[in-house]
């Protein structure tokens, strides 16, 4: 299969929509990361996503819509808390877990009785959904376990020859997958943090809980209620270690580990903040420590750069977990299989 990469235009959107109506899958931009989309109501089409990604079948997908009016046929009900969150944060980087209707194939929900629904703010994504005339199920457009793609080139690196078409909408603005919020219970639960932070949800609802597995893996036998919970995700080929603590001690510990690893013959890079001096050692910038949204936008590209450079060890500075920092640490933690050194 030859994979086309086309800039977003009226013609390319029509072409991609036709592919989706015909049961094929395409790569497309959103404000968070690039998605790998198929007709959410066609089980056979959805299974092609799992095949292209090498994704485990018990890892649920998110259904993308172009308007709130498209949601009622897809779910059995919309709790009041969910409606408040929709009004506050949609269109935007938030997925709501709702009771699913029978029209949603089990392949989408991984056999669960719930489904994740998202209304993206990216106009190209919404235009594709409208043109296709159906909701689009889409995980991130990368091979399973790899860092998520924030450019069309990232998608091509992982999906060349696996999918027919990629729409190029430029770099993603947010850079991390959507916040996933389970709105089916009395107190909404953040299953995966993202651009809509716990603090923002708290301000709207007056109460929210962050799932314990946001910063830890699921226990053996536990069911993944959201994408990004169960498996090692976002991982570069390099062994990845996170250092957390007072910044001076973190920098010293990273430099010591770096030098030790280089003496042992490893190729090492540091993922660090611009304010900190690593003494000329190889460093990939996460931006300013004072602006964690920069780390959010840069993290996946930085993890992919490690592979491009052939590094075998990555030493990462931890991010403060306030605001969007929690989402950055969630992704970084899963990329490192939660190998976190506290100094």
Protein backbone atom coordinates (compact mmCIF):
# COMPACT_ATOMS: atom_id res chain seq x y z
CA UNK A 1 0.00 0.00 0.00
CA UNK A 2 1.25 3.48 -0.88
CA UNK A 3 0.59 6.15 1.73
CA UNK A 4 -0.29 9.63 0.44
CA UNK A 5 0.36 12.74 2.53
CA UNK A 6 -1.85 15.65 1.49
CA UNK A 7 -2.17 19.13 3.02
CA UNK A 8 -5.60 19.83 4.47
CA UNK A 9 -7.86 21.31 1.81
CA UNK A 10 -11.44 20.95 0.68
CA UNK A 11 -10.34 18.38 -1.91
CA UNK A 12 -8.17 16.33 0.47
CA UNK A 13 -10.87 16.33 3.16
CA UNK A 14 -13.37 15.02 0.59
CA UNK A 15 -10.91 12.33 -0.43
CA UNK A 16 -10.27 11.29 3.17
CA UNK A 17 -14.00 11.28 3.95
CA UNK A 18 -14.64 8.98 1.00
CA UNK A 19 -11.98 6.60 2.30
CA UNK A 20 -13.69 6.51 5.69
CA UNK A 21 -17.13 5.93 4.17
CA UNK A 22 -15.60 3.00 2.25
CA UNK A 23 -14.40 1.37 5.48
CA UNK A 24 -10.75 2.47 5.24
CA UNK A 25 -8.63 4.31 7.82
CA UNK A 26 -6.84 7.66 7.50
CA UNK A 27 -4.47 9.78 9.56
CA UNK A 28 -5.79 13.24 10.43
CA UNK A 29 -4.83 16.20 12.64
CA UNK A 30 -6.47 17.28 15.87
CA UNK A 31 -5.44 19.92 18.39
CA UNK A 32 -4.02 17.22 20.67
CA UNK A 33 -2.18 14.63 18.53
CA UNK A 34 -2.77 13.11 15.09
CA UNK A 35 -5.52 10.49 15.02
CA UNK A 36 -5.98 7.27 13.07
CA UNK A 37 -9.63 7.39 12.07
CA UNK A 38 -12.31 4.97 10.89
CA UNK A 39 -16.11 4.91 10.78
CA UNK A 40 -16.99 4.42 14.45
CA UNK A 41 -20.20 2.56 13.56
CA UNK A 42 -18.50 -0.06 11.36
CA UNK A 43 -16.84 -2.85 13.35
CA UNK A 44 -14.86 -4.12 10.36
CA UNK A 45 -13.39 -0.66 9.71
CA UNK A 46 -12.53 -0.20 13.39
CA UNK A 47 -10.65 -3.50 13.44
CA UNK A 48 -8.37 -2.10 10.72
CA UNK A 49 -7.19 0.50 13.26
CA UNK A 50 -6.06 -2.22 15.64
CA UNK A 51 -4.32 -4.06 12.82
CA UNK A 52 -2.47 -0.98 11.56
CA UNK A 53 -1.35 0.06 15.04
CA UNK A 54 -0.66 -3.38 16.46
CA UNK A 55 -2.96 -2.26 19.27
CA UNK A 56 -4.27 -4.71 21.89
CA UNK A 57 -8.01 -5.34 21.48
CA UNK A 58 -8.76 -4.58 25.16
CA UNK A 59 -7.62 -0.95 24.77
CA UNK A 60 -10.73 1.18 24.01
CA UNK A 61 -10.95 3.89 21.34
CA UNK A 62 -12.41 7.40 21.41
CA UNK A 63 -15.33 8.41 19.18
CA UNK A 64 -14.98 11.88 17.65
CA UNK A 65 -18.00 13.99 16.66
CA UNK A 66 -18.35 17.37 14.94
CA UNK A 67 -21.19 18.72 17.11
CA UNK A 68 -22.96 18.03 20.40
CA UNK A 69 -26.13 17.23 18.43
CA UNK A 70 -24.47 14.07 17.09
CA UNK A 71 -24.02 12.54 20.56
CA UNK A 72 -27.50 11.37 21.72
CA UNK A 73 -27.76 8.42 19.27
CA UNK A 74 -24.32 7.18 20.46
CA UNK A 75 -25.06 7.02 24.19
CA UNK A 76 -27.77 5.84 26.59
CA UNK A 77 -27.79 9.10 28.49
CA UNK A 78 -25.79 12.23 29.36
CA UNK A 79 -25.38 12.94 33.11
CA UNK A 80 -25.75 16.52 34.29
CA UNK A 81 -22.06 16.75 35.22
CA UNK A 82 -21.13 15.74 31.68
CA UNK A 83 -23.41 18.43 30.24
CA UNK A 84 -21.68 21.07 32.37
CA UNK A 85 -18.28 19.90 31.19
CA UNK A 86 -19.43 19.92 27.56
CA UNK A 87 -20.60 23.52 27.91
CA UNK A 88 -17.35 24.57 29.57
CA UNK A 89 -14.73 22.76 27.49
CA UNK A 90 -16.08 21.71 24.10
CA UNK A 91 -14.93 21.95 21.43
CA UNK A 92 -11.61 21.09 23.03
CA UNK A 93 -9.13 18.48 24.33
CA UNK A 94 -11.56 16.57 26.57
CA UNK A 95 -13.05 13.08 26.20
CA UNK A 96 -16.10 12.12 28.27
CA UNK A 97 -16.81 8.51 29.22
CA UNK A 98 -20.57 7.93 28.83
CA UNK A 99 -22.89 4.87 28.77
CA UNK A 100 -22.73 3.59 25.20
CA UNK A 101 -25.64 2.86 22.88
CA UNK A 102 -25.97 -0.45 21.04
CA UNK A 103 -24.84 1.16 17.76
CA UNK A 104 -21.27 1.43 19.09
CA UNK A 105 -19.40 -1.78 18.16
CA UNK A 106 -17.70 -3.70 20.96
CA UNK A 107 -14.44 -3.25 19.07
CA UNK A 108 -14.63 0.48 19.83
CA UNK A 109 -15.37 0.10 23.54
CA UNK A 110 -13.17 -2.97 24.12
CA UNK A 111 -16.30 -4.76 25.36
CA UNK A 112 -17.11 -2.12 27.99
CA UNK A 113 -20.62 -0.71 28.40
CA UNK A 114 -19.21 2.81 28.12
CA UNK A 115 -17.66 4.82 25.31
CA UNK A 116 -15.37 7.84 25.15
CA UNK A 117 -16.80 10.78 23.17
CA UNK A 118 -14.85 13.86 22.06
CA UNK A 119 -15.66 17.05 20.17
CA UNK A 120 -12.28 18.35 18.94
CA UNK A 121 -11.54 22.04 18.53
CA UNK A 122 -9.42 21.42 15.41
CA UNK A 123 -11.51 22.66 12.48
CA UNK A 124 -9.91 20.17 10.06
CA UNK A 125 -10.93 17.27 12.31
CA UNK A 126 -14.51 18.51 12.57
CA UNK A 127 -14.66 19.15 8.82
CA UNK A 128 -13.53 15.57 8.17
CA UNK A 129 -16.25 14.18 10.44
CA UNK A 130 -18.90 16.31 8.74
CA UNK A 131 -17.70 15.27 5.29
CA UNK A 132 -17.61 11.60 6.23
CA UNK A 133 -21.16 11.78 7.59
CA UNK A 134 -20.38 9.52 10.55
CA UNK A 135 -18.63 9.65 13.91
CA UNK A 136 -14.94 8.75 13.66
CA UNK A 137 -13.26 6.34 16.08
CA UNK A 138 -9.62 7.27 16.46
CA UNK A 139 -6.68 6.55 18.73
CA UNK A 140 -3.35 8.32 18.17
CA UNK A 141 -1.85 7.57 14.74
CA UNK A 142 1.30 5.77 15.90
CA UNK A 143 2.40 2.17 16.23
CA UNK A 144 1.21 0.84 19.58
CA UNK A 145 3.57 1.78 22.42
CA UNK A 146 5.46 4.44 20.42
CA UNK A 147 5.41 8.17 21.20
CA UNK A 148 2.24 9.78 19.89
CA UNK A 149 2.53 11.79 16.64
CA UNK A 150 2.28 15.58 16.70
CA UNK A 151 3.14 16.09 13.00
CA UNK A 152 2.12 14.34 9.78
CA UNK A 153 5.75 13.25 9.37
CA UNK A 154 5.54 11.39 12.69
CA UNK A 155 2.47 9.56 11.38
CA UNK A 156 4.29 8.66 8.17
CA UNK A 157 7.25 7.28 10.15
CA UNK A 158 4.97 4.77 11.86
CA UNK A 159 2.21 4.21 9.29
CA UNK A 160 3.90 4.35 5.88
CA UNK A 161 2.48 1.48 3.84
CA UNK A 162 -0.12 0.67 6.51
CA UNK A 163 -2.73 3.31 5.71
CA UNK A 164 -3.72 4.94 2.40
CA UNK A 165 -3.82 8.62 3.38
CA UNK A 166 -2.56 11.16 5.91
CA UNK A 167 -3.97 14.68 6.11
CA UNK A 168 -1.25 17.19 7.01
CA UNK A 169 -2.61 19.99 9.19
CA UNK A 170 0.75 21.10 10.61
CA UNK A 171 2.02 20.62 14.18
CA UNK A 172 -0.57 19.95 16.88
CA UNK A 173 -1.15 22.81 19.31
CA UNK A 174 -1.69 20.95 22.60
CA UNK A 175 0.72 18.07 21.93
CA UNK A 176 -0.77 15.61 24.44
CA UNK A 177 -3.85 13.42 24.07
CA UNK A 178 -7.17 14.64 25.46
CA UNK A 179 -8.15 14.53 29.10
CA UNK A 180 -10.40 11.50 29.66
CA UNK A 181 -13.09 12.04 32.30
CA UNK A 182 -15.48 9.32 33.47
CA UNK A 183 -18.78 11.13 33.96
CA UNK A 184 -20.90 8.04 34.70
CA UNK A 185 -20.60 8.12 38.51
CA UNK A 186 -21.57 10.54 41.26
CA UNK A 187 -18.11 12.14 41.26
CA UNK A 188 -16.40 12.50 37.85
CA UNK A 189 -13.01 10.78 37.64
CA UNK A 190 -10.06 11.84 35.51
CA UNK A 191 -8.73 8.63 33.98
CA UNK A 192 -6.15 10.31 31.76
CA UNK A 193 -5.02 13.91 32.34
CA UNK A 194 -4.60 16.32 29.45
CA UNK A 195 -5.14 19.92 28.46
CA UNK A 196 -8.32 20.13 30.59
CA UNK A 197 -6.74 19.95 34.03
CA UNK A 198 -8.16 18.74 37.36
CA UNK A 199 -8.14 22.33 38.55
CA UNK A 200 -10.28 23.39 35.57
CA UNK A 201 -12.77 20.58 36.15
CA UNK A 202 -12.91 21.38 39.86
CA UNK A 203 -13.77 24.99 39.07
CA UNK A 204 -16.77 23.89 36.97
CA UNK A 205 -18.13 21.01 39.04
CA UNK A 206 -16.87 21.71 42.54
CA UNK A 207 -15.60 18.14 42.83
CA UNK A 208 -13.46 15.72 40.83
CA UNK A 209 -11.24 12.74 41.54
CA UNK A 210 -8.01 11.77 39.80
CA UNK A 211 -7.72 8.02 39.24
CA UNK A 212 -4.93 6.39 41.24
CA UNK A 213 -3.45 4.90 38.06
CA UNK A 214 -2.72 8.26 36.46
CA UNK A 215 0.76 7.93 37.95
CA UNK A 216 1.01 4.15 38.25
CA UNK A 217 0.34 1.09 36.07
CA UNK A 218 -2.84 -0.95 36.40
CA UNK A 219 -2.66 -4.02 38.61
CA UNK A 220 -2.73 -7.46 37.01
CA UNK A 221 -6.25 -8.27 35.82
CA UNK A 222 -7.61 -4.71 36.10
CA UNK A 223 -9.68 -3.44 33.17
CA UNK A 224 -8.57 -0.34 31.23
CA UNK A 225 -11.53 2.08 31.27
CA UNK A 226 -9.67 4.59 29.10
CA UNK A 227 -6.98 4.61 26.42
CA UNK A 228 -3.52 5.03 27.85
CA UNK A 229 -4.11 3.23 31.16
CA UNK A 230 -3.06 -0.38 30.83
CA UNK A 231 0.09 -0.64 28.76
CA UNK A 232 3.51 0.94 28.55
CA UNK A 233 2.90 3.86 26.23
CA UNK A 234 4.67 6.64 24.42
CA UNK A 235 8.04 4.89 24.81
CA UNK A 236 11.18 5.63 22.80
CA UNK A 237 13.66 2.82 22.17
CA UNK A 238 16.00 4.37 24.73
CA UNK A 239 15.70 3.25 28.35
CA UNK A 240 14.03 6.22 30.02
CA UNK A 241 14.47 7.38 33.63
CA UNK A 242 12.81 10.34 35.36
CA UNK A 243 14.48 12.34 38.13
CA UNK A 244 12.27 14.19 40.62
CA UNK A 245 13.13 16.49 43.52
CA UNK A 246 14.73 19.87 44.17
CA UNK A 247 16.04 21.16 40.85
CA UNK A 248 19.67 21.52 41.92
CA UNK A 249 19.81 17.95 43.18
CA UNK A 250 18.01 16.71 40.07
CA UNK A 251 20.53 18.38 37.76
CA UNK A 252 23.45 16.98 39.76
CA UNK A 253 22.00 13.46 39.79
CA UNK A 254 21.27 13.54 36.06
CA UNK A 255 24.78 14.76 35.23
CA UNK A 256 26.34 12.03 37.39
CA UNK A 257 24.23 9.30 35.77
CA UNK A 258 24.95 10.74 32.33
CA UNK A 259 28.74 10.65 32.83
CA UNK A 260 28.63 7.14 34.29
CA UNK A 261 26.56 5.88 31.36
CA UNK A 262 28.83 7.53 28.76
CA UNK A 263 31.86 5.87 30.35
CA UNK A 264 30.02 2.56 30.01
CA UNK A 265 29.60 3.17 26.27
CA UNK A 266 25.97 4.27 26.19
CA UNK A 267 24.51 7.02 24.01
CA UNK A 268 22.76 9.39 26.41
CA UNK A 269 20.54 12.46 26.14
CA UNK A 270 18.88 14.64 28.75
CA UNK A 271 15.31 15.92 28.46
CA UNK A 272 15.57 19.08 30.51
CA UNK A 273 14.44 22.65 31.07
CA UNK A 274 16.09 25.69 29.50
CA UNK A 275 16.78 27.32 32.88
CA UNK A 276 19.11 24.50 33.98
CA UNK A 277 22.79 24.13 33.07
CA UNK A 278 23.82 20.60 32.13
CA UNK A 279 27.38 21.55 31.38
CA UNK A 280 27.39 21.02 27.63
CA UNK A 281 25.98 17.50 27.83
CA UNK A 282 23.54 16.45 25.09
CA UNK A 283 20.19 17.96 26.00
CA UNK A 284 16.81 18.06 24.27
CA UNK A 285 14.79 21.05 25.45
CA UNK A 286 11.42 20.68 27.14
CA UNK A 287 11.10 24.47 27.14
CA UNK A 288 10.85 26.67 30.20
CA UNK A 289 10.23 25.19 33.64
CA UNK A 290 7.89 28.14 34.27
CA UNK A 291 5.71 27.20 31.28
CA UNK A 292 4.77 23.49 31.47
CA UNK A 293 2.54 23.88 28.40
CA UNK A 294 5.81 24.05 26.44
CA UNK A 295 6.83 20.65 27.78
CA UNK A 296 3.38 19.33 26.84
CA UNK A 297 3.77 20.53 23.26
CA UNK A 298 7.37 19.26 22.94
CA UNK A 299 7.42 15.96 24.84
CA UNK A 300 6.42 13.49 22.11
CA UNK A 301 8.67 15.13 19.52
CA UNK A 302 11.52 14.97 22.03
CA UNK A 303 10.92 11.26 22.66
CA UNK A 304 10.95 10.61 18.91
CA UNK A 305 14.17 12.63 18.56
CA UNK A 306 15.84 10.19 20.94
CA UNK A 307 15.20 7.42 18.42
CA UNK A 308 16.37 9.54 15.50
CA UNK A 309 19.64 10.19 17.34
CA UNK A 310 20.09 6.54 18.29
CA UNK A 311 20.25 7.24 22.04
CA UNK A 312 20.16 4.25 24.38
CA UNK A 313 19.45 6.16 27.63
CA UNK A 314 17.20 9.15 28.28
CA UNK A 315 17.38 11.07 31.56
CA UNK A 316 14.34 13.30 32.12
CA UNK A 317 13.61 16.13 34.50
CA UNK A 318 10.28 15.68 36.26
CA UNK A 319 7.60 18.33 35.74
CA UNK A 320 5.58 19.90 38.54
CA UNK A 321 2.20 18.13 38.54
CA UNK A 322 0.11 21.30 38.96
CA UNK A 323 -2.12 22.10 36.00
CA UNK A 324 -1.10 20.52 32.70
CA UNK A 325 2.08 19.28 34.40
CA UNK A 326 0.12 16.25 35.61
CA UNK A 327 -0.57 15.26 32.00
CA UNK A 328 3.10 15.69 31.08
CA UNK A 329 4.17 13.52 34.00
CA UNK A 330 1.54 10.90 33.15
CA UNK A 331 2.94 10.54 29.61
CA UNK A 332 6.55 10.74 30.72
CA UNK A 333 5.89 8.22 33.49
CA UNK A 334 4.38 5.69 31.10
CA UNK A 335 7.21 6.21 28.61
CA UNK A 336 9.61 5.35 31.43
CA UNK A 337 7.44 2.51 32.81
CA UNK A 338 7.32 4.69 35.97
CA UNK A 339 11.08 4.39 36.59
CA UNK A 340 11.23 7.52 38.74
CA UNK A 341 14.30 8.36 40.88
CA UNK A 342 13.58 10.78 43.73
CA UNK A 343 16.57 12.80 44.87
